[in-house]
C-alpha atoms as a PDB file:
ATOM      1  CA  UNK A   1      91.234  76.972  96.349  1.00  0.00           C
ATOM      2  CA  UNK A   2      92.531  74.664  93.451  1.00  0.00           C
ATOM      3  CA  UNK A   3      94.285  77.641  91.733  1.00  0.00           C
ATOM      4  CA  UNK A   4      95.940  78.753  95.042  1.00  0.00           C
ATOM      5  CA  UNK A   5      97.312  75.282  95.436  1.00  0.00           C
ATOM      6  CA  UNK A   6      98.583  75.385  91.844  1.00  0.00           C
ATOM      7  CA  UNK A   7     100.195  78.832  92.549  1.00  0.00           C
ATOM      8  CA  UNK A   8     101.944  77.487  95.540  1.00  0.00           C
ATOM      9  CA  UNK A   9     103.138  74.394  93.840  1.00  0.00           C
ATOM     10  CA  UNK A  10     104.614  76.412  91.044  1.00  0.00           C
ATOM     11  CA  UNK A  11     106.732  78.414  93.269  1.00  0.00           C
ATOM     12  CA  UNK A  12     109.761  77.285  95.033  1.00  0.00           C
ATOM     13  CA  UNK A  13     109.194  75.719  98.543  1.00  0.00           C
ATOM     14  CA  UNK A  14     110.663  78.713 100.417  1.00  0.00           C
ATOM     15  CA  UNK A  15     108.039  81.209  98.878  1.00  0.00           C
ATOM     16  CA  UNK A  16     104.884  79.396  99.387  1.00  0.00           C
ATOM     17  CA  UNK A  17     104.342  81.460 102.473  1.00  0.00           C
ATOM     18  CA  UNK A  18     104.733  84.559 100.528  1.00  0.00           C
ATOM     19  CA  UNK A  19     102.310  83.166  97.875  1.00  0.00           C
ATOM     20  CA  UNK A  20      99.618  82.568 100.585  1.00  0.00           C
ATOM     21  CA  UNK A  21     100.231  85.841 102.198  1.00  0.00           C
ATOM     22  CA  UNK A  22      99.783  87.658  98.824  1.00  0.00           C
ATOM     23  CA  UNK A  23      96.602  85.627  98.155  1.00  0.00           C
ATOM     24  CA  UNK A  24      95.116  86.542 101.667  1.00  0.00           C
ATOM     25  CA  UNK A  25      96.229  90.105 101.282  1.00  0.00           C
ATOM     26  CA  UNK A  26      94.499  90.582  98.058  1.00  0.00           C
ATOM     27  CA  UNK A  27      91.401  88.793  99.186  1.00  0.00           C
ATOM     28  CA  UNK A  28      91.185  91.092 102.395  1.00  0.00           C
ATOM     29  CA  UNK A  29      91.601  94.197 100.140  1.00  0.00           C
ATOM     30  CA  UNK A  30      89.107  92.877  97.739  1.00  0.00           C
ATOM     31  CA  UNK A  31      86.472  92.479 100.426  1.00  0.00           C
ATOM     32  CA  UNK A  32      87.497  95.480 102.491  1.00  0.00           C
ATOM     33  CA  UNK A  33      87.569  98.155  99.787  1.00  0.00           C
ATOM     34  CA  UNK A  34      84.011  97.639  98.478  1.00  0.00           C
ATOM     35  CA  UNK A  35      82.581  97.530 101.987  1.00  0.00           C
ATOM     36  CA  UNK A  36      84.363 100.764 103.015  1.00  0.00           C
ATOM     37  CA  UNK A  37      83.208 102.297  99.634  1.00  0.00           C
ATOM     38  CA  UNK A  38      79.600 101.306 100.204  1.00  0.00           C
ATOM     39  CA  UNK A  39      79.805 102.673 103.825  1.00  0.00           C
ATOM     40  CA  UNK A  40      81.117 106.118 102.518  1.00  0.00           C
ATOM     41  CA  UNK A  41      78.370 106.128  99.794  1.00  0.00           C
ATOM     42  CA  UNK A  42      75.632 105.461 102.414  1.00  0.00           C
ATOM     43  CA  UNK A  43      77.164 108.270 104.657  1.00  0.00           C
ATOM     44  CA  UNK A  44      77.341 111.002 101.912  1.00  0.00           C
ATOM     45  CA  UNK A  45      74.458 110.076  99.521  1.00  0.00           C
ATOM     46  CA  UNK A  46      71.856 108.108 101.457  1.00  0.00           C
ATOM     47  CA  UNK A  47      71.001 104.469 101.246  1.00  0.00           C
ATOM     48  CA  UNK A  48      68.947 104.288  98.116  1.00  0.00           C
ATOM     49  CA  UNK A  49      71.335 106.211  95.942  1.00  0.00           C
ATOM     50  CA  UNK A  50      74.280 104.231  97.321  1.00  0.00           C
ATOM     51  CA  UNK A  51      72.624 100.931  96.602  1.00  0.00           C
ATOM     52  CA  UNK A  52      71.996 101.983  92.978  1.00  0.00           C
ATOM     53  CA  UNK A  53      75.487 103.328  92.393  1.00  0.00           C
ATOM     54  CA  UNK A  54      77.081 100.382  94.153  1.00  0.00           C
ATOM     55  CA  UNK A  55      75.056  97.871  92.140  1.00  0.00           C
ATOM     56  CA  UNK A  56      76.004  99.657  88.973  1.00  0.00           C
ATOM     57  CA  UNK A  57      79.650  99.677  89.695  1.00  0.00           C
ATOM     58  CA  UNK A  58      79.439  95.985  90.620  1.00  0.00           C
ATOM     59  CA  UNK A  59      77.681  95.104  87.443  1.00  0.00           C
ATOM     60  CA  UNK A  60      80.138  96.871  85.243  1.00  0.00           C
ATOM     61  CA  UNK A  61      83.000  95.268  87.112  1.00  0.00           C
ATOM     62  CA  UNK A  62      81.423  91.841  86.523  1.00  0.00           C
ATOM     63  CA  UNK A  63      80.924  92.617  82.799  1.00  0.00           C
ATOM     64  CA  UNK A  64      84.615  93.629  82.363  1.00  0.00           C
ATOM     65  CA  UNK A  65      85.747  90.496  84.229  1.00  0.00           C
ATOM     66  CA  UNK A  66      83.592  88.370  82.110  1.00  0.00           C
ATOM     67  CA  UNK A  67      84.897  90.021  78.926  1.00  0.00           C
ATOM     68  CA  UNK A  68      88.560  89.611  79.884  1.00  0.00           C
ATOM     69  CA  UNK A  69      87.869  85.971  80.863  1.00  0.00           C
ATOM     70  CA  UNK A  70      86.235  85.338  77.447  1.00  0.00           C
ATOM     71  CA  UNK A  71      89.314  87.051  75.612  1.00  0.00           C
ATOM     72  CA  UNK A  72      91.785  85.009  77.677  1.00  0.00           C
ATOM     73  CA  UNK A  73      89.927  81.706  77.067  1.00  0.00           C
ATOM     74  CA  UNK A  74      89.769  82.466  73.236  1.00  0.00           C
ATOM     75  CA  UNK A  75      93.525  83.220  73.252  1.00  0.00           C
ATOM     76  CA  UNK A  76      94.207  80.041  75.047  1.00  0.00           C
ATOM     77  CA  UNK A  77      91.978  77.985  72.573  1.00  0.00           C
ATOM     78  CA  UNK A  78      93.728  79.413  69.558  1.00  0.00           C
ATOM     79  CA  UNK A  79      97.261  78.813  70.885  1.00  0.00           C
END
């Protein structure tokens, strides 16, 4: 929540509601889309296949996020 507070503080007072609305919308989408995708995978491919595929996608997504974070931090450190 510290980053949300920082984002709200960086914007004009009149747009703090818009910043929070965008945050909660993205959070809702970020939680809803994987749940719907998992439900569809289970429906069409069965539980065991869906768990394996969903786990692989989640692991790859985490590795991409880690790599992007490491790149951003190295760019911040070098100036």
